[in-house]
Amino acid sequence: MFRAILMQRDAEGKATPRLEELQDSALPEGEVTIAVEYSTLNYKDGLCLSPSGGGLVRNYPHVPGIDFAGRVETSSDPRYAPGDAVILTGWRVGEAHWGGFAEKARVKADWLVPLPQGLTTRRAMAIGTAGFTAMLALMELESQGLTPSAGEVLVTGAAGGVGSIAVALLAANGYQTAAVTGRPETETYLKDLGAARIVPRADLAEAIKRPMESETWAGCIDAVGGEMLARVLGQLKSEAAVAAVGNAGGLQVPANIIPFLLRGVKLLGINSVTVPYPRRLAAWERLARELPLQKLDGMIQEAALADVPALGAAILKGQVQGRVVVDMRL
């Protein structure tokens, strides 16, 4: 038997997450069975935990949780042996496939990454999909020529999961970082992570009629989308890029084509779900080397498996700061 957050739908189609005990035989097919030690909470998890499944969950009963880290229990794949520490992010686990809000998981071996040297499973989940996405965004911006000498890098939604780790990563790599937040109480937290200055969300919340403003940002990691992303595009320096990692501010971007034509700005989409293994491994190895672990520890909010349903609702309301780490022992 193992404990899991199981979502089941009622007669009206409304899904409810509950802490249940399940038989091992309930686990889906896969080459590797993992004893999950830690999971984490992302915005996408909040959607999956919602009564509608956020449009992401198609089949019930379902175990959500798009991330987990733990140790191999059994494996039919020669790449993994019992006791190996592994990480999983992406591949629609927790959406189309049973996920990490459980004491056990079974997945395809191709979806796993070995735990990099220097990380624990707990810290790997403090990073999770959010930190993995932040690193992919930084790698993509650097591939477009971003360097610390280019100027300030903007991070929107900076107090959230992706934003928090993006701020810490940028600071650790020598970048001057401007952090956007609508919560004044998070300013000290963001400065402790390495933000050089705080930009009130209200300063960027509305699109304006002018297609371009003064060249301000050498790059941007944007977790908001919507009108804020449109505004930022008009403030980027010539040939600068923005890495789009989220849509908390809306799916529609009322952008103007002029910044792309006259300044050569670039809009880079970051897909953290189906990243090829070599790039996935490279991102995790850089995270293990470059992310200041003491700052990572300061982001952690500890949670038990039973806390997950309430936390899922809270993250959709913007009420979660930093990184929630779900400890399966609690």
Protein backbone atom coordinates (compact mmCIF):
# COMPACT_ATOMS: atom_id res chain seq x y z
CA MET A 1 0.00 0.00 0.00
CA PHE A 2 1.06 3.61 -0.53
CA ARG A 3 -0.48 7.02 0.15
CA ALA A 4 -1.42 9.33 -2.72
CA ILE A 5 -3.52 12.35 -3.55
CA LEU A 6 -6.21 10.73 -5.68
CA MET A 7 -8.62 12.80 -7.75
CA GLN A 8 -12.01 11.35 -8.58
CA ARG A 9 -14.98 12.94 -10.36
CA ASP A 10 -18.52 12.96 -9.04
CA ALA A 11 -21.68 12.51 -11.08
CA GLU A 12 -21.59 16.16 -12.13
CA GLY A 13 -18.02 15.89 -13.43
CA LYS A 14 -16.43 17.84 -10.57
CA ALA A 15 -13.06 16.46 -9.46
CA THR A 16 -12.00 16.42 -5.82
CA PRO A 17 -8.49 15.59 -4.52
CA ARG A 18 -8.30 13.41 -1.41
CA LEU A 19 -5.53 11.62 0.46
CA GLU A 20 -6.05 7.89 -0.12
CA GLU A 21 -4.24 4.57 0.36
CA LEU A 22 -3.72 2.61 -2.86
CA GLN A 23 -2.44 -0.82 -3.80
CA ASP A 24 0.83 -1.05 -5.73
CA SER A 25 -1.14 -2.81 -8.46
CA ALA A 26 -2.93 0.50 -9.15
CA LEU A 27 0.27 2.08 -10.51
CA PRO A 28 0.36 2.65 -14.28
CA GLU A 29 2.68 0.84 -16.65
CA GLY A 30 6.35 1.83 -16.89
CA GLU A 31 9.86 0.42 -16.70
CA VAL A 32 10.87 2.05 -13.41
CA THR A 33 9.08 2.14 -10.04
CA ILE A 34 10.27 4.90 -7.71
CA ALA A 35 9.88 5.34 -3.99
CA VAL A 36 9.07 9.06 -4.03
CA GLU A 37 10.82 11.07 -1.32
CA TYR A 38 9.79 14.59 -2.30
CA SER A 39 7.52 16.38 -4.73
CA THR A 40 6.78 20.06 -5.18
CA LEU A 41 4.01 22.46 -6.20
CA ASN A 42 3.77 24.40 -9.45
CA TYR A 43 1.08 26.59 -10.98
CA LYS A 44 0.24 23.73 -13.33
CA ASP A 45 -0.31 21.49 -10.29
CA GLY A 46 -2.84 23.99 -9.01
CA LEU A 47 -4.71 23.69 -12.31
CA CYS A 48 -4.61 19.89 -12.21
CA LEU A 49 -5.92 19.89 -8.62
CA SER A 50 -8.85 22.16 -9.48
CA PRO A 51 -12.41 20.80 -9.92
CA SER A 52 -12.07 20.96 -13.71
CA GLY A 53 -8.55 19.57 -13.82
CA GLY A 54 -7.54 22.82 -15.48
CA GLY A 55 -8.19 21.30 -18.88
CA LEU A 56 -5.02 19.25 -18.38
CA VAL A 57 -6.32 16.08 -16.72
CA ARG A 58 -8.33 13.91 -19.09
CA ASN A 59 -8.80 10.62 -17.25
CA TYR A 60 -9.89 9.83 -13.70
CA PRO A 61 -9.12 8.55 -11.12
CA HIS A 62 -5.87 10.46 -11.30
CA VAL A 63 -2.78 11.17 -9.18
CA PRO A 64 -1.45 14.69 -9.95
CA GLY A 65 2.04 16.09 -9.31
CA ILE A 66 4.22 17.06 -12.28
CA ASP A 67 7.54 16.65 -10.40
CA PHE A 68 9.10 14.15 -8.08
CA ALA A 69 12.45 12.92 -6.82
CA GLY A 70 13.25 9.68 -5.08
CA ARG A 71 15.01 6.35 -5.34
CA VAL A 72 14.50 3.51 -7.75
CA GLU A 73 12.66 0.58 -6.22
CA THR A 74 12.55 -1.71 -9.28
CA SER A 75 13.67 -1.26 -12.88
CA SER A 76 13.51 -3.32 -16.06
CA ASP A 77 15.76 -0.76 -17.79
CA PRO A 78 19.54 -1.29 -17.47
CA ARG A 79 20.18 2.43 -17.03
CA TYR A 80 18.65 2.39 -13.55
CA ALA A 81 19.17 0.09 -10.60
CA PRO A 82 17.46 -0.16 -7.20
CA GLY A 83 18.70 2.63 -4.94
CA ASP A 84 19.57 5.07 -7.74
CA ALA A 85 18.44 8.64 -7.01
CA VAL A 86 16.41 10.12 -9.86
CA ILE A 87 14.42 13.22 -10.83
CA LEU A 88 11.37 13.54 -13.02
CA THR A 89 9.95 16.72 -14.51
CA GLY A 90 7.72 17.11 -17.55
CA TRP A 91 6.52 14.51 -20.07
CA ARG A 92 2.91 15.29 -19.01
CA VAL A 93 3.39 13.28 -15.84
CA GLY A 94 0.81 14.52 -13.34
CA GLU A 95 -1.47 15.45 -16.26
CA ALA A 96 -1.90 12.51 -18.67
CA HIS A 97 0.11 10.08 -16.54
CA TRP A 98 -0.05 9.50 -12.78
CA GLY A 99 2.36 11.82 -11.01
CA GLY A 100 4.37 12.62 -7.92
CA PHE A 101 1.83 13.45 -5.21
CA ALA A 102 2.25 9.89 -3.95
CA GLU A 103 4.69 7.74 -2.05
CA LYS A 104 5.27 5.65 -5.20
CA ALA A 105 5.35 6.34 -8.93
CA ARG A 106 5.94 4.23 -12.03
CA VAL A 107 7.15 5.85 -15.27
CA LYS A 108 9.11 5.29 -18.45
CA ALA A 109 12.87 5.21 -17.97
CA ASP A 110 13.36 7.78 -20.75
CA TRP A 111 11.55 10.37 -18.63
CA LEU A 112 14.05 10.21 -15.75
CA VAL A 113 17.29 12.08 -15.08
CA PRO A 114 19.93 10.90 -12.58
CA LEU A 115 20.24 13.16 -9.54
CA PRO A 116 23.28 15.40 -10.26
CA GLN A 117 26.21 15.34 -7.87
CA GLY A 118 25.83 18.02 -5.22
CA LEU A 119 22.03 17.88 -5.01
CA THR A 120 19.78 16.03 -2.58
CA THR A 121 16.33 14.84 -3.58
CA ARG A 122 14.88 17.53 -1.29
CA ARG A 123 16.83 20.32 -2.97
CA ALA A 124 16.03 18.88 -6.40
CA MET A 125 12.36 19.38 -5.61
CA ALA A 126 12.99 22.85 -4.23
CA ILE A 127 14.20 23.45 -7.79
CA GLY A 128 11.60 21.30 -9.57
CA THR A 129 10.00 22.21 -12.86
CA ALA A 130 10.07 25.88 -11.85
CA GLY A 131 13.84 26.01 -11.43
CA PHE A 132 14.43 23.72 -14.40
CA THR A 133 12.36 26.12 -16.52
CA ALA A 134 14.28 29.12 -15.17
CA MET A 135 17.57 27.51 -16.16
CA LEU A 136 16.28 26.64 -19.64
CA ALA A 137 15.23 30.28 -20.02
CA LEU A 138 18.67 31.55 -19.01
CA MET A 139 20.38 29.08 -21.35
CA GLU A 140 18.18 30.24 -24.23
CA LEU A 141 18.84 33.92 -23.53
CA GLU A 142 22.57 33.25 -23.38
CA SER A 143 22.37 31.40 -26.70
CA GLN A 144 21.00 34.66 -28.14
CA GLY A 145 24.01 36.61 -26.88
CA LEU A 146 22.98 37.76 -23.40
CA THR A 147 25.96 38.48 -21.12
CA PRO A 148 26.22 40.22 -17.73
CA SER A 149 27.76 43.27 -19.40
CA ALA A 150 24.70 43.81 -21.62
CA GLY A 151 22.65 45.49 -18.91
CA GLU A 152 19.71 44.79 -16.61
CA VAL A 153 17.66 41.62 -16.98
CA LEU A 154 14.00 41.81 -16.01
CA VAL A 155 12.19 38.97 -14.21
CA THR A 156 8.39 39.20 -14.07
CA GLY A 157 6.36 37.28 -11.51
CA ALA A 158 9.59 37.33 -9.54
CA ALA A 159 8.23 36.09 -6.19
CA GLY A 160 6.76 32.94 -7.74
CA GLY A 161 8.52 29.62 -8.24
CA VAL A 162 10.13 30.27 -11.63
CA GLY A 163 10.82 33.90 -10.83
CA SER A 164 12.48 33.22 -7.48
CA ILE A 165 14.97 30.79 -8.93
CA ALA A 166 15.50 32.96 -12.02
CA VAL A 167 16.47 35.89 -9.78
CA ALA A 168 18.90 33.74 -7.77
CA LEU A 169 20.42 32.17 -10.91
CA LEU A 170 20.91 35.48 -12.67
CA ALA A 171 22.53 37.03 -9.62
CA ALA A 172 24.82 34.02 -9.18
CA ASN A 173 25.95 34.42 -12.81
CA GLY A 174 26.76 38.11 -12.40
CA TYR A 175 23.65 39.68 -13.96
CA GLN A 176 22.02 42.87 -12.67
CA THR A 177 18.43 41.78 -12.11
CA ALA A 178 15.25 43.85 -11.83
CA ALA A 179 12.46 41.89 -10.15
CA VAL A 180 8.79 42.66 -10.84
CA THR A 181 6.31 42.02 -8.04
CA GLY A 182 2.88 43.24 -7.03
CA ARG A 183 3.41 42.24 -3.40
CA PRO A 184 5.46 44.83 -1.46
CA GLU A 185 5.96 42.31 1.36
CA THR A 186 8.16 40.19 -0.96
CA GLU A 187 10.72 42.93 -1.65
CA THR A 188 13.12 41.89 1.11
CA TYR A 189 12.82 38.25 0.00
CA LEU A 190 13.69 39.17 -3.59
CA LYS A 191 16.63 41.37 -2.62
CA ASP A 192 17.97 38.53 -0.47
CA LEU A 193 17.85 36.33 -3.58
CA GLY A 194 19.98 38.86 -5.45
CA ALA A 195 17.60 41.32 -7.10
CA ALA A 196 19.39 44.62 -7.68
CA ARG A 197 16.11 46.54 -7.69
CA ILE A 198 12.37 46.04 -7.41
CA VAL A 199 9.93 47.10 -10.12
CA PRO A 200 6.31 47.48 -8.92
CA ARG A 201 3.94 45.42 -11.03
CA ALA A 202 1.76 48.48 -11.60
CA ASP A 203 4.59 50.06 -13.60
CA LEU A 204 4.24 47.37 -16.28
CA ALA A 205 0.68 46.16 -15.83
CA GLU A 206 -0.92 48.09 -18.67
CA ALA A 207 -0.13 48.06 -22.36
CA ILE A 208 0.32 51.50 -23.92
CA LYS A 209 -0.45 52.83 -27.39
CA ARG A 210 3.17 53.57 -28.30
CA PRO A 211 4.76 50.51 -29.94
CA MET A 212 8.17 51.25 -28.41
CA GLU A 213 9.52 52.95 -25.30
CA SER A 214 13.06 53.70 -24.15
CA GLU A 215 15.46 50.77 -24.49
CA THR A 216 15.71 49.49 -20.93
CA TRP A 217 16.16 45.72 -20.61
CA ALA A 218 18.98 43.57 -21.95
CA GLY A 219 16.74 40.52 -21.58
CA CYS A 220 13.72 39.23 -19.72
CA ILE A 221 12.43 36.01 -18.17
CA ASP A 222 8.66 36.45 -18.26
CA ALA A 223 6.29 34.30 -16.21
CA VAL A 224 3.26 36.54 -16.68
CA GLY A 225 2.42 36.93 -20.37
CA GLY A 226 -0.60 39.06 -21.29
CA GLU A 227 -0.33 42.83 -21.37
CA MET A 228 2.83 42.87 -19.29
CA LEU A 229 4.71 40.83 -21.89
CA ALA A 230 3.48 43.18 -24.62
CA ARG A 231 4.76 46.15 -22.63
CA VAL A 232 8.15 44.55 -22.00
CA LEU A 233 8.65 43.81 -25.72
CA GLY A 234 8.54 47.54 -26.38
CA GLN A 235 11.17 48.23 -23.70
CA LEU A 236 13.80 45.70 -24.77
CA LYS A 237 17.15 46.88 -26.07
CA SER A 238 18.08 46.32 -29.69
CA GLU A 239 18.56 42.60 -30.49
CA ALA A 240 17.51 41.62 -26.94
CA ALA A 241 15.20 38.71 -26.18
CA VAL A 242 12.50 37.71 -23.75
CA ALA A 243 12.08 34.09 -22.67
CA ALA A 244 8.39 33.38 -22.12
CA VAL A 245 7.84 30.76 -19.41
CA GLY A 246 4.28 31.36 -18.14
CA ASN A 247 0.88 32.89 -18.65
CA ALA A 248 -0.33 33.91 -15.18
CA GLY A 249 -1.42 37.27 -16.67
CA GLY A 250 -3.39 35.82 -19.55
CA LEU A 251 -3.07 33.91 -22.80
CA GLN A 252 -3.50 36.85 -25.16
CA VAL A 253 -0.52 39.14 -25.85
CA PRO A 254 -1.64 42.48 -27.40
CA ALA A 255 1.80 43.06 -28.90
CA ASN A 256 2.92 45.31 -31.75
CA ILE A 257 5.16 44.07 -34.57
CA ILE A 258 7.29 47.24 -34.58
CA PRO A 259 9.82 46.22 -31.86
CA PHE A 260 10.54 43.04 -33.83
CA LEU A 261 11.12 44.99 -37.04
CA LEU A 262 12.96 48.09 -35.82
CA ARG A 263 14.91 46.66 -32.87
CA GLY A 264 15.18 43.01 -33.84
CA VAL A 265 13.83 41.86 -30.49
CA LYS A 266 13.10 38.17 -30.06
CA LEU A 267 10.33 36.28 -28.27
CA LEU A 268 11.55 32.85 -27.17
CA GLY A 269 9.13 30.18 -26.04
CA ILE A 270 10.44 27.87 -23.31
CA ASN A 271 9.09 24.31 -23.38
CA SER A 272 10.13 22.40 -20.27
CA VAL A 273 7.90 19.37 -20.90
CA THR A 274 9.59 17.42 -23.73
CA VAL A 275 13.15 18.72 -23.56
CA PRO A 276 15.59 16.22 -25.14
CA TYR A 277 17.69 14.27 -22.65
CA PRO A 278 21.10 15.92 -23.35
CA ARG A 279 19.73 19.44 -22.82
CA ARG A 280 17.68 18.28 -19.83
CA LEU A 281 20.78 16.78 -18.22
CA ALA A 282 22.88 19.87 -19.01
CA ALA A 283 20.29 22.13 -17.35
CA TRP A 284 20.21 20.02 -14.18
CA GLU A 285 24.01 19.89 -13.99
CA ARG A 286 24.20 23.68 -14.30
CA LEU A 287 21.57 24.06 -11.58
CA ALA A 288 23.61 21.83 -9.27
CA ARG A 289 26.74 23.92 -9.94
CA GLU A 290 25.40 27.47 -10.15
CA LEU A 291 22.33 27.84 -7.96
CA PRO A 292 23.32 29.13 -4.49
CA LEU A 293 22.01 26.31 -2.33
CA GLN A 294 21.75 28.44 0.80
CA LYS A 295 19.43 30.80 -1.06
CA LEU A 296 17.51 27.81 -2.42
CA ASP A 297 16.96 26.56 1.13
CA GLY A 298 15.60 29.98 2.05
CA MET A 299 12.86 29.65 -0.59
CA ILE A 300 11.48 26.38 0.79
CA GLN A 301 8.05 26.05 2.36
CA GLU A 302 7.74 22.54 3.81
CA ALA A 303 4.44 20.68 3.31
CA ALA A 304 2.90 17.29 3.97
CA LEU A 305 1.05 15.26 1.35
CA ALA A 306 -2.23 16.08 3.09
CA ASP A 307 -1.54 19.83 2.60
CA VAL A 308 -1.45 19.55 -1.20
CA PRO A 309 -5.14 20.20 -2.04
CA ALA A 310 -5.25 23.47 -0.06
CA LEU A 311 -1.90 24.59 -1.45
CA GLY A 312 -3.10 23.89 -4.99
CA ALA A 313 -5.95 26.35 -4.48
CA ALA A 314 -3.59 28.90 -2.90
CA ILE A 315 -1.08 28.91 -5.76
CA LEU A 316 -3.85 29.71 -8.27
CA LYS A 317 -4.66 32.80 -6.17
CA GLY A 318 -1.03 33.96 -6.14
CA GLN A 319 -0.71 33.22 -2.43
CA VAL A 320 2.35 30.95 -2.55
CA GLN A 321 5.83 32.45 -2.26
CA GLY A 322 8.99 30.62 -3.24
CA ARG A 323 9.06 26.84 -3.44
CA VAL A 324 6.76 24.34 -1.73
CA VAL A 325 8.50 21.03 -1.05
CA VAL A 326 6.18 18.11 -0.29
CA ASP A 327 7.85 15.62 2.07
CA MET A 328 6.38 12.12 1.75
CA ARG A 329 7.47 11.28 5.29
CA LEU A 330 5.11 13.87 6.78
